[in-house]
Amino acid sequence: MKKIKNKIEAIITDKNNGSFFLKIFLSALSLLYKFAVSANNFLYKKKIRQIKKLPCVVISAGNICAGGTGKTPLVIYLAELTQKLGYKPAIVTRGYKGGYEKKGGIVSDGKKICANQKNAGDEPFMIAKRLKNIPVIAGKNRYKSGILAIERFEANIIILDDGFQHQKLFRDINLLLADDRKPFGNKKLLPRGILREPISSVKRADALILTRAENLISENIKKITASPIFKSAHAPFIIKNKKANINFLKDKKAIIFSGIAKNKEFYKTVNKFGCSIKSFIEFEDHHKYQKKDFEKINNAAKNINADFIITTEKDYVKIPANINFFCKPIIIGINIKFTDDNLQNFDKFIEDKLKNAKP
């Protein structure tokens, strides 16, 4: 199974030509998927399918590509920004693979965590641990979760996590993220590529946010949308000590592990710290850690007498409290960071949109 998965990944990422027949098979599935997505978009565009509206402002952050683009850091940024502007935000998220995904539930009431990681799901639990005074609600029915946030916490802004495809809920500000280095992958839809829907869907966005952006905005990107485009970067920091200088990791022996959508990006991030990475242990996104996983990590650390074990914030929230690591764990979180000009422009863009929004 893993071998087939690796072959599919190689085709999607264009690392090699891959099997001709597998490529044809994936292309056929991609056409079927495109038909289903296009039909769904048409029904919402023509208002044949019902779009529900919450009695408050809704800001959605999402993408049209599978995999990590930085939605969670942006959701956190938006929650803190709107709170600073004097609003009462609440975060509504699906809670993918969590116990609350189907039935819904409160992850945080803004004062305390009300659910464990298993019920909350990975991202909602991480968001709840990071934010203070902002409720987090998980559940597949985002309208129901929004009503709960309004009635229970008097929220007047809902931040919708990963909501670009959730068209059944009206949003006042529709934000789309894309990784600047390869914003649309190989430009093919799942499963032949990484696109969740056609590139033309970018037109639904009120703004496009390019993440991990280091270069000038390309003309190709400018051609696909008339909406504002903002550049942002991922800013790593050490959890529990945001002011800690990461330079202390330089030349230290480290074991790193992660189970996120883009493990290799985490490796690149840690590698920039200048530490000596002796072993990189990868798991699949949303991996459910078992005792044997921690034994593997600890054994690797013992074998090289590691100074540190380094992992992501998303992985750390899934680690049981009774797990003892061979050496001190270092937890890396990610904030989204806009350039000075883009920061002012983006914040002003959101502020102006909110003033003009009519709940």
Protein backbone atom coordinates (compact mmCIF):
# COMPACT_ATOMS: atom_id res chain seq x y z
CA MET A 1 0.00 0.00 0.00
CA LYS A 2 2.81 2.37 0.94
CA LYS A 3 4.61 1.53 -2.30
CA ILE A 4 1.54 2.48 -4.37
CA LYS A 5 1.12 5.66 -2.35
CA ASN A 6 4.74 6.62 -3.04
CA LYS A 7 4.22 6.02 -6.78
CA ILE A 8 1.12 8.23 -6.78
CA GLU A 9 2.98 10.95 -4.88
CA ALA A 10 5.83 10.78 -7.41
CA ILE A 11 3.34 11.29 -10.27
CA ILE A 12 1.56 14.16 -8.49
CA THR A 13 4.80 15.97 -7.68
CA ASP A 14 6.30 15.24 -11.10
CA LYS A 15 9.37 13.65 -9.51
CA ASN A 16 9.31 11.07 -12.28
CA ASN A 17 7.02 9.98 -15.11
CA GLY A 18 5.71 7.07 -13.06
CA SER A 19 3.67 4.19 -14.39
CA PHE A 20 1.86 5.04 -17.63
CA PHE A 21 -1.22 3.01 -16.67
CA LEU A 22 -1.33 4.45 -13.15
CA LYS A 23 -1.12 7.95 -14.62
CA ILE A 24 -4.03 7.18 -17.01
CA PHE A 25 -6.07 5.74 -14.15
CA LEU A 26 -5.46 8.79 -11.95
CA SER A 27 -6.30 11.11 -14.84
CA ALA A 28 -9.64 9.33 -15.37
CA LEU A 29 -10.49 9.65 -11.68
CA SER A 30 -9.47 13.29 -11.83
CA LEU A 31 -11.96 13.94 -14.64
CA LEU A 32 -14.77 12.37 -12.62
CA TYR A 33 -13.75 14.42 -9.61
CA LYS A 34 -13.68 17.60 -11.71
CA PHE A 35 -17.18 16.93 -12.99
CA ALA A 36 -18.51 16.46 -9.43
CA VAL A 37 -16.78 19.60 -8.12
CA SER A 38 -17.85 21.73 -11.09
CA ALA A 39 -21.45 20.56 -10.73
CA ASN A 40 -21.39 21.39 -7.03
CA ASN A 41 -19.96 24.88 -7.69
CA PHE A 42 -22.58 25.50 -10.41
CA LEU A 43 -25.44 24.59 -8.07
CA TYR A 44 -24.19 27.04 -5.44
CA LYS A 45 -23.47 29.76 -7.99
CA LYS A 46 -27.03 29.51 -9.35
CA LYS A 47 -28.36 29.33 -5.77
CA ILE A 48 -30.01 26.01 -6.48
CA ARG A 49 -28.35 24.69 -3.35
CA GLN A 50 -29.20 26.55 -0.18
CA ILE A 51 -26.62 28.86 1.37
CA LYS A 52 -27.24 29.54 5.04
CA LYS A 53 -26.30 32.88 6.61
CA LEU A 54 -25.33 33.36 10.22
CA PRO A 55 -26.53 36.51 12.04
CA CYS A 56 -22.93 37.73 12.32
CA VAL A 57 -19.88 38.33 10.15
CA VAL A 58 -18.06 35.24 8.83
CA ILE A 59 -14.42 35.22 7.71
CA SER A 60 -13.27 32.07 5.93
CA ALA A 61 -9.66 30.95 5.51
CA GLY A 62 -9.08 28.05 3.13
CA ASN A 63 -7.27 26.74 0.08
CA ILE A 64 -7.89 24.85 -3.15
CA CYS A 65 -4.91 22.54 -2.74
CA ALA A 66 -4.60 19.46 -0.55
CA GLY A 67 -1.88 19.73 2.06
CA GLY A 68 -0.58 22.43 4.35
CA THR A 69 -0.56 26.02 3.15
CA GLY A 70 -0.69 27.78 6.51
CA LYS A 71 -4.42 27.93 7.21
CA THR A 72 -4.07 27.36 10.95
CA PRO A 73 -1.52 30.18 11.52
CA LEU A 74 -3.77 32.52 9.51
CA VAL A 75 -6.85 31.53 11.51
CA ILE A 76 -4.95 32.33 14.71
CA TYR A 77 -3.76 35.63 13.22
CA LEU A 78 -7.31 36.61 12.19
CA ALA A 79 -8.72 35.74 15.62
CA GLU A 80 -6.12 37.89 17.38
CA LEU A 81 -6.51 40.72 14.86
CA THR A 82 -10.31 40.91 15.11
CA GLN A 83 -10.11 40.73 18.90
CA LYS A 84 -7.63 43.62 18.86
CA LEU A 85 -10.07 45.57 16.66
CA GLY A 86 -12.71 45.24 19.38
CA TYR A 87 -14.75 42.32 18.03
CA LYS A 88 -15.68 39.08 19.80
CA PRO A 89 -14.43 36.30 17.52
CA ALA A 90 -15.00 32.57 17.78
CA ILE A 91 -13.31 29.91 15.68
CA VAL A 92 -15.40 27.28 13.94
CA THR A 93 -13.63 24.28 12.44
CA ARG A 94 -14.57 20.85 11.16
CA GLY A 95 -12.34 19.00 13.62
CA TYR A 96 -11.13 16.53 11.01
CA LYS A 97 -10.85 12.96 12.37
CA GLY A 98 -11.82 14.14 15.86
CA GLY A 99 -14.68 12.80 17.96
CA TYR A 100 -16.59 16.08 17.56
CA GLU A 101 -16.45 16.03 13.76
CA LYS A 102 -19.87 14.39 13.39
CA LYS A 103 -21.69 15.49 16.54
CA GLY A 104 -20.05 18.88 17.18
CA GLY A 105 -18.74 20.22 20.47
CA ILE A 106 -16.96 23.02 22.31
CA VAL A 107 -13.18 22.62 22.30
CA SER A 108 -12.54 25.80 24.28
CA ASP A 109 -14.89 28.30 25.92
CA GLY A 110 -12.17 30.95 25.77
CA LYS A 111 -11.20 30.39 29.38
CA LYS A 112 -10.40 26.70 29.53
CA ILE A 113 -9.99 23.69 27.27
CA CYS A 114 -13.25 21.72 27.30
CA ALA A 115 -12.22 18.69 25.26
CA ASN A 116 -9.31 16.33 24.89
CA GLN A 117 -7.27 16.09 21.72
CA LYS A 118 -9.04 12.92 20.62
CA ASN A 119 -12.46 14.59 20.58
CA ALA A 120 -11.29 17.99 19.39
CA GLY A 121 -9.09 16.89 16.50
CA ASP A 122 -5.49 17.98 15.89
CA GLU A 123 -5.82 21.56 14.64
CA PRO A 124 -8.76 22.66 16.86
CA PHE A 125 -6.97 21.41 19.97
CA MET A 126 -3.76 23.16 18.95
CA ILE A 127 -5.63 26.41 18.26
CA ALA A 128 -7.42 26.20 21.62
CA LYS A 129 -4.11 25.66 23.43
CA ARG A 130 -2.57 28.67 21.70
CA LEU A 131 -5.39 31.23 21.98
CA LYS A 132 -6.76 32.87 25.08
CA ASN A 133 -10.24 34.37 25.49
CA ILE A 134 -11.38 33.07 22.10
CA PRO A 135 -13.82 30.12 21.91
CA VAL A 136 -13.12 27.22 19.55
CA ILE A 137 -15.93 24.97 18.32
CA ALA A 138 -15.50 21.83 16.20
CA GLY A 139 -18.06 20.03 14.06
CA LYS A 140 -18.91 19.17 10.48
CA ASN A 141 -22.09 21.30 10.64
CA ARG A 142 -20.47 24.75 10.61
CA TYR A 143 -23.81 26.59 10.69
CA LYS A 144 -24.84 24.77 13.86
CA SER A 145 -21.42 25.49 15.40
CA GLY A 146 -21.74 29.16 14.46
CA ILE A 147 -25.15 29.45 16.12
CA LEU A 148 -23.68 27.82 19.24
CA ALA A 149 -20.83 30.35 19.27
CA ILE A 150 -23.28 33.25 18.98
CA GLU A 151 -25.73 32.02 21.60
CA ARG A 152 -23.21 30.72 24.14
CA PHE A 153 -20.36 33.22 23.74
CA GLU A 154 -22.02 36.24 22.09
CA ALA A 155 -19.57 36.01 19.20
CA ASN A 156 -20.04 38.67 16.53
CA ILE A 157 -17.38 37.29 14.18
CA ILE A 158 -16.93 33.67 13.13
CA ILE A 159 -13.51 32.65 11.83
CA LEU A 160 -14.13 29.66 9.60
CA ASP A 161 -11.15 27.31 9.41
CA ASP A 162 -10.62 25.53 6.07
CA GLY A 163 -13.90 26.86 4.74
CA PHE A 164 -13.27 27.65 1.08
CA GLN A 165 -15.11 24.53 -0.12
CA HIS A 166 -17.83 24.84 2.53
CA GLN A 167 -20.09 26.95 0.34
CA LYS A 168 -23.27 26.04 2.18
CA LEU A 169 -22.32 28.72 4.75
CA PHE A 170 -22.28 32.34 3.60
CA ARG A 171 -19.06 34.21 4.29
CA ASP A 172 -18.51 37.98 4.27
CA ILE A 173 -14.76 37.69 3.70
CA ASN A 174 -13.46 34.75 1.71
CA LEU A 175 -9.68 34.32 2.02
CA LEU A 176 -7.71 31.88 -0.09
CA LEU A 177 -4.16 30.70 0.68
CA ALA A 178 -1.63 29.27 -1.76
CA ASP A 179 1.99 28.24 -1.34
CA ASP A 180 3.93 30.77 -3.40
CA ARG A 181 6.60 28.30 -4.53
CA LYS A 182 4.11 26.08 -6.33
CA PRO A 183 0.65 27.55 -5.69
CA PHE A 184 -1.38 25.01 -7.66
CA GLY A 185 0.93 22.00 -7.81
CA ASN A 186 0.92 20.44 -11.29
CA LYS A 187 -2.38 22.27 -12.00
CA LYS A 188 -4.32 19.00 -12.04
CA LEU A 189 -7.18 17.97 -9.78
CA LEU A 190 -7.17 15.18 -7.23
CA PRO A 191 -6.03 12.45 -7.42
CA ARG A 192 -3.84 13.26 -10.47
CA GLY A 193 -2.74 16.49 -8.80
CA ILE A 194 -3.29 18.32 -5.51
CA LEU A 195 -6.08 20.69 -6.55
CA ARG A 196 -9.36 20.34 -4.67
CA GLU A 197 -11.13 22.32 -7.38
CA PRO A 198 -10.24 24.08 -10.66
CA ILE A 199 -7.92 27.09 -10.59
CA SER A 200 -10.82 29.22 -11.87
CA SER A 201 -12.32 28.90 -8.38
CA VAL A 202 -9.76 31.46 -7.21
CA LYS A 203 -12.24 34.07 -8.48
CA ARG A 204 -14.49 33.34 -5.50
CA ALA A 205 -11.83 34.69 -3.14
CA ASP A 206 -11.95 38.26 -1.81
CA ALA A 207 -8.18 38.07 -1.38
CA LEU A 208 -5.36 35.68 -2.21
CA ILE A 209 -2.63 35.17 0.39
CA LEU A 210 0.64 33.73 -0.84
CA THR A 211 2.43 31.85 1.93
CA ARG A 212 6.17 31.11 2.14
CA ALA A 213 6.52 34.01 -0.30
CA GLU A 214 10.03 35.30 -0.96
CA ASN A 215 9.81 36.71 -4.46
CA LEU A 216 7.80 39.33 -6.31
CA ILE A 217 4.25 38.36 -7.17
CA SER A 218 4.36 36.66 -10.57
CA GLU A 219 2.38 37.91 -13.54
CA ASN A 220 0.76 34.46 -13.86
CA ILE A 221 -0.74 34.83 -10.38
CA LYS A 222 -1.93 38.34 -11.12
CA LYS A 223 -3.74 37.11 -14.23
CA ILE A 224 -5.96 34.63 -12.40
CA THR A 225 -7.55 37.07 -9.93
CA ALA A 226 -8.62 40.70 -9.78
CA SER A 227 -8.73 40.52 -5.96
CA PRO A 228 -5.95 41.86 -3.71
CA ILE A 229 -2.89 39.64 -3.32
CA PHE A 230 -0.86 39.61 -0.10
CA LYS A 231 2.54 38.05 0.57
CA SER A 232 3.33 36.28 3.81
CA ALA A 233 6.01 34.11 5.34
CA HIS A 234 6.08 31.38 7.98
CA ALA A 235 7.83 32.55 11.14
CA PRO A 236 8.95 29.64 13.39
CA PHE A 237 9.23 30.10 17.14
CA ILE A 238 9.72 27.94 20.21
CA ILE A 239 6.49 27.13 22.02
CA LYS A 240 6.35 28.23 25.69
CA ASN A 241 9.07 30.76 25.03
CA LYS A 242 8.37 32.98 22.02
CA LYS A 243 11.35 35.21 22.89
CA ALA A 244 13.84 32.34 22.99
CA ASN A 245 16.71 32.74 20.56
CA ILE A 246 16.70 29.71 18.28
CA ASN A 247 20.47 30.10 17.89
CA PHE A 248 21.01 27.94 20.98
CA LEU A 249 20.21 24.93 18.76
CA LYS A 250 23.23 25.58 16.55
CA ASP A 251 25.55 22.57 16.24
CA LYS A 252 23.49 20.56 18.77
CA LYS A 253 22.69 16.92 18.00
CA ALA A 254 18.99 16.50 17.34
CA ILE A 255 16.37 13.91 16.49
CA ILE A 256 13.33 15.40 14.78
CA PHE A 257 9.93 13.86 14.11
CA SER A 258 6.66 15.09 12.63
CA GLY A 259 3.32 13.89 11.29
CA ILE A 260 2.03 16.84 9.27
CA ALA A 261 1.01 17.44 5.65
CA LYS A 262 4.45 18.72 4.69
CA ASN A 263 7.02 16.91 6.82
CA LYS A 264 9.88 17.90 4.55
CA GLU A 265 9.08 21.58 5.10
CA PHE A 266 9.47 21.02 8.83
CA TYR A 267 12.83 19.37 8.18
CA LYS A 268 13.95 22.40 6.14
CA THR A 269 12.82 24.74 8.92
CA VAL A 270 14.79 22.90 11.60
CA ASN A 271 17.80 22.56 9.31
CA LYS A 272 17.96 26.35 9.06
CA PHE A 273 18.51 26.52 12.84
CA GLY A 274 21.97 25.09 12.28
CA CYS A 275 21.56 22.03 14.49
CA SER A 276 23.01 18.65 13.51
CA ILE A 277 20.01 16.52 12.49
CA LYS A 278 21.00 12.90 13.10
CA SER A 279 17.63 11.32 12.34
CA PHE A 280 14.33 12.45 10.85
CA ILE A 281 11.35 10.26 11.71
CA GLU A 282 8.31 10.91 9.50
CA PHE A 283 4.68 9.98 10.12
CA GLU A 284 1.57 10.57 8.03
CA ASP A 285 -0.55 13.67 8.56
CA HIS A 286 -2.94 13.28 11.53
CA HIS A 287 -0.95 10.27 12.72
CA LYS A 288 -2.23 8.73 15.96
CA TYR A 289 0.86 8.14 18.04
CA GLN A 290 1.37 4.81 19.75
CA LYS A 291 3.75 3.69 22.48
CA LYS A 292 5.97 2.03 19.87
CA ASP A 293 6.38 5.38 18.08
CA PHE A 294 7.79 7.05 21.18
CA GLU A 295 10.04 4.05 21.81
CA LYS A 296 11.40 4.44 18.27
CA ILE A 297 12.01 8.16 18.81
CA ASN A 298 13.69 7.64 22.18
CA ASN A 299 15.87 4.80 20.90
CA ALA A 300 17.06 6.99 18.06
CA ALA A 301 17.88 9.76 20.54
CA LYS A 302 19.75 7.36 22.86
CA ASN A 303 21.80 5.90 20.04
CA ILE A 304 23.38 9.26 19.21
CA ASN A 305 23.11 10.77 22.72
CA ALA A 306 20.96 13.58 21.32
CA ASP A 307 20.86 17.01 22.92
CA PHE A 308 17.29 17.66 21.82
CA ILE A 309 14.22 15.99 20.33
CA ILE A 310 12.45 18.47 18.08
CA THR A 311 8.85 18.29 16.85
CA THR A 312 5.96 20.48 15.72
CA GLU A 313 3.30 22.16 17.82
CA LYS A 314 0.63 20.10 16.08
CA ASP A 315 2.40 16.84 16.97
CA TYR A 316 3.19 17.89 20.53
CA VAL A 317 -0.46 18.39 21.51
CA LYS A 318 -1.02 14.69 20.71
CA ILE A 319 1.71 13.45 23.05
CA PRO A 320 0.37 11.98 26.34
CA ALA A 321 1.53 13.68 29.54
CA ASN A 322 3.10 10.45 30.84
CA ILE A 323 5.58 10.18 27.98
CA ASN A 324 9.18 10.79 29.09
CA PHE A 325 11.64 11.67 26.38
CA PHE A 326 15.32 10.77 26.47
CA CYS A 327 16.24 14.47 26.30
CA LYS A 328 14.52 17.83 26.34
CA PRO A 329 11.81 18.21 23.67
CA ILE A 330 11.81 21.43 21.66
CA ILE A 331 8.42 22.37 20.23
CA ILE A 332 8.33 24.53 17.11
CA GLY A 333 5.24 26.62 16.36
CA ILE A 334 4.54 28.67 13.25
CA ASN A 335 3.14 32.19 13.02
CA ILE A 336 2.13 33.83 9.77
CA LYS A 337 4.07 37.00 9.11
CA PHE A 338 3.29 39.71 6.57
CA THR A 339 5.93 42.14 5.32
CA ASP A 340 5.67 45.66 6.77
CA ASP A 341 3.76 47.07 3.80
CA ASN A 342 1.67 43.94 3.40
CA LEU A 343 0.93 43.86 7.13
CA GLN A 344 -0.57 47.34 7.05
CA ASN A 345 -2.40 46.60 3.83
CA PHE A 346 -3.75 43.25 5.00
CA ASP A 347 -4.88 44.47 8.40
CA LYS A 348 -6.47 47.53 6.79
CA PHE A 349 -8.13 45.31 4.19
CA ILE A 350 -9.74 43.18 6.92
CA GLU A 351 -10.72 46.23 8.99
CA ASP A 352 -12.38 47.92 6.01
CA LYS A 353 -14.18 44.74 4.99
CA LEU A 354 -15.54 44.32 8.50
CA LYS A 355 -16.83 47.89 8.59
CA ASN A 356 -18.73 47.33 5.35
CA ALA A 357 -20.05 43.87 6.29
CA LYS A 358 -23.74 43.63 7.13
CA PRO A 359 -24.56 40.77 9.53
